[in-house]
Structure formats: C-alpha cells, structure tokens
Amino acid sequence: MDVKLSPEAEQFIEEIIASGEYGSVQEVLEAGLVRLMLEPEAELDDETLAELDEGTAQFERGETIPWHVLRDELAKKYSAKNNSR
C-alpha cells in the first residue's frame, strides 16, 4: 500500500521517530490507527476536547512545537492527574 501524507504529517512522524519513541513510519501509523480505531472506548473529557480545538487553531496559525516537547508536557499533565486519584 502506498500512502501520500501531507508535509506537516511527514514532519510530525519524522519528529516522533527522531525522539526514539518509534522506530519507523509503519510503527507510528499502526500505533495511531490502533488508538484511533480499535480503542473507541477511550472517551475524551470536555477539557481535553477544548484543548484539542485550541491546539488545532494554533497549528493552523503556524504556532507549533517539536513533538518531544509536546510529549513531555502531556506526560507531566497526565501523570499528575493519575497520581492524584
């Protein structure tokens, strides 16, 4: 299968691979598909949905950050939430 991605998606995937979290484009895409399509029970709360909307708006304005920075911020946020339970 041959898939054409936008330059933004290609850059995003390259940053994820460079971070060492995944070893190939195939691994990144498979992980994303599994999370998106095979785990529908993972519902997002209103706060997260609002943050995603804001993130989309920031992306459209060209306000981006490297994947490793975002990953670290999310890890801190969600580990704090899980530790407070």
C-alpha atoms as a PDB file:
ATOM      1  CA  MET A   1       0.000   0.000   0.000  1.00  0.00           C
ATOM      2  CA  ASP A   2       1.331   3.410  -0.937  1.00  0.00           C
ATOM      3  CA  VAL A   3       0.157   6.334   1.194  1.00  0.00           C
ATOM      4  CA  LYS A   4       0.732  10.031   0.491  1.00  0.00           C
ATOM      5  CA  LEU A   5       0.940  12.234   3.593  1.00  0.00           C
ATOM      6  CA  SER A   6       0.912  15.992   3.895  1.00  0.00           C
ATOM      7  CA  PRO A   7       4.292  17.640   4.537  1.00  0.00           C
ATOM      8  CA  GLU A   8       3.085  18.502   8.053  1.00  0.00           C
ATOM      9  CA  ALA A   9       2.198  14.876   8.793  1.00  0.00           C
ATOM     10  CA  GLU A  10       5.540  13.700   7.400  1.00  0.00           C
ATOM     11  CA  GLN A  11       7.409  16.188   9.605  1.00  0.00           C
ATOM     12  CA  PHE A  12       5.372  15.155  12.649  1.00  0.00           C
ATOM     13  CA  ILE A  13       6.147  11.482  12.033  1.00  0.00           C
ATOM     14  CA  GLU A  14       9.840  12.213  11.459  1.00  0.00           C
ATOM     15  CA  GLU A  15       9.988  14.060  14.806  1.00  0.00           C
ATOM     16  CA  ILE A  16       8.348  11.136  16.585  1.00  0.00           C
ATOM     17  CA  ILE A  17      10.844   8.698  15.055  1.00  0.00           C
ATOM     18  CA  ALA A  18      13.770  11.023  15.880  1.00  0.00           C
ATOM     19  CA  SER A  19      12.602  11.109  19.507  1.00  0.00           C
ATOM     20  CA  GLY A  20      13.215   7.352  19.652  1.00  0.00           C
ATOM     21  CA  GLU A  21       9.668   6.513  20.692  1.00  0.00           C
ATOM     22  CA  TYR A  22       9.037   4.614  17.454  1.00  0.00           C
ATOM     23  CA  GLY A  23      11.460   3.051  15.009  1.00  0.00           C
ATOM     24  CA  SER A  24       9.677   3.504  11.706  1.00  0.00           C
ATOM     25  CA  VAL A  25       6.872   5.250   9.859  1.00  0.00           C
ATOM     26  CA  GLN A  26       4.953   1.971   9.885  1.00  0.00           C
ATOM     27  CA  GLU A  27       5.144   1.737  13.688  1.00  0.00           C
ATOM     28  CA  VAL A  28       3.868   5.304  14.113  1.00  0.00           C
ATOM     29  CA  LEU A  29       0.947   4.832  11.729  1.00  0.00           C
ATOM     30  CA  GLU A  30      -0.029   1.463  13.188  1.00  0.00           C
ATOM     31  CA  ALA A  31       0.033   2.869  16.730  1.00  0.00           C
ATOM     32  CA  GLY A  32      -2.133   5.797  15.671  1.00  0.00           C
ATOM     33  CA  LEU A  33      -4.648   3.567  13.927  1.00  0.00           C
ATOM     34  CA  VAL A  34      -4.887   1.239  16.896  1.00  0.00           C
ATOM     35  CA  ARG A  35      -5.516   4.132  19.257  1.00  0.00           C
ATOM     36  CA  LEU A  36      -7.978   5.823  16.964  1.00  0.00           C
ATOM     37  CA  MET A  37      -9.949   2.924  15.549  1.00  0.00           C
ATOM     38  CA  LEU A  38      -9.528  -0.027  17.869  1.00  0.00           C
ATOM     39  CA  GLU A  39      -9.906   1.742  21.217  1.00  0.00           C
ATOM     40  CA  PRO A  40     -13.175   3.674  20.806  1.00  0.00           C
ATOM     41  CA  GLU A  41     -13.980   3.327  24.497  1.00  0.00           C
ATOM     42  CA  ALA A  42     -11.327   5.902  25.312  1.00  0.00           C
ATOM     43  CA  GLU A  43     -13.546   8.961  25.634  1.00  0.00           C
ATOM     44  CA  LEU A  44     -12.205  12.484  25.946  1.00  0.00           C
ATOM     45  CA  ASP A  45     -13.459  14.893  28.592  1.00  0.00           C
ATOM     46  CA  ASP A  46     -14.672  18.413  27.750  1.00  0.00           C
ATOM     47  CA  GLU A  47     -11.412  19.997  28.925  1.00  0.00           C
ATOM     48  CA  THR A  48      -9.352  17.767  26.627  1.00  0.00           C
ATOM     49  CA  LEU A  49     -11.669  18.413  23.679  1.00  0.00           C
ATOM     50  CA  ALA A  50     -11.350  22.167  24.232  1.00  0.00           C
ATOM     51  CA  GLU A  51      -7.563  21.842  24.386  1.00  0.00           C
ATOM     52  CA  LEU A  52      -7.577  19.865  21.136  1.00  0.00           C
ATOM     53  CA  ASP A  53      -9.648  22.598  19.486  1.00  0.00           C
ATOM     54  CA  GLU A  54      -7.194  25.228  20.706  1.00  0.00           C
ATOM     55  CA  GLY A  55      -4.273  23.110  19.517  1.00  0.00           C
ATOM     56  CA  THR A  56      -5.818  22.815  16.064  1.00  0.00           C
ATOM     57  CA  ALA A  57      -6.277  26.582  15.918  1.00  0.00           C
ATOM     58  CA  GLN A  58      -2.662  27.112  16.992  1.00  0.00           C
ATOM     59  CA  PHE A  59      -1.449  24.682  14.324  1.00  0.00           C
ATOM     60  CA  GLU A  60      -3.455  26.490  11.665  1.00  0.00           C
ATOM     61  CA  ARG A  61      -1.814  29.773  12.769  1.00  0.00           C
ATOM     62  CA  GLY A  62       1.610  28.163  12.451  1.00  0.00           C
ATOM     63  CA  GLU A  63       2.216  28.040  16.200  1.00  0.00           C
ATOM     64  CA  THR A  64       3.864  24.637  16.560  1.00  0.00           C
ATOM     65  CA  ILE A  65       6.340  22.980  18.915  1.00  0.00           C
ATOM     66  CA  PRO A  66       8.513  19.894  18.408  1.00  0.00           C
ATOM     67  CA  TRP A  67       6.862  16.544  19.174  1.00  0.00           C
ATOM     68  CA  HIS A  68       9.234  15.698  22.052  1.00  0.00           C
ATOM     69  CA  VAL A  69       8.286  18.915  23.872  1.00  0.00           C
ATOM     70  CA  LEU A  70       4.568  18.209  23.481  1.00  0.00           C
ATOM     71  CA  ARG A  71       5.014  14.585  24.537  1.00  0.00           C
ATOM     72  CA  ASP A  72       6.840  15.658  27.704  1.00  0.00           C
ATOM     73  CA  GLU A  73       4.151  18.242  28.561  1.00  0.00           C
ATOM     74  CA  LEU A  74       1.382  15.682  28.093  1.00  0.00           C
ATOM     75  CA  ALA A  75       3.239  13.072  30.134  1.00  0.00           C
ATOM     76  CA  LYS A  76       3.568  15.543  33.018  1.00  0.00           C
ATOM     77  CA  LYS A  77      -0.087  16.564  32.787  1.00  0.00           C
ATOM     78  CA  TYR A  78      -1.500  13.054  32.711  1.00  0.00           C
ATOM     79  CA  SER A  79       0.900  11.558  35.226  1.00  0.00           C
ATOM     80  CA  ALA A  80      -0.135  14.327  37.645  1.00  0.00           C
ATOM     81  CA  LYS A  81      -3.813  13.527  37.046  1.00  0.00           C
ATOM     82  CA  ASN A  82      -3.249   9.793  37.546  1.00  0.00           C
ATOM     83  CA  ASN A  83      -1.206  10.339  40.702  1.00  0.00           C
ATOM     84  CA  SER A  84      -3.962  12.440  42.283  1.00  0.00           C
ATOM     85  CA  ARG A  85      -6.544   9.634  42.022  1.00  0.00           C
END
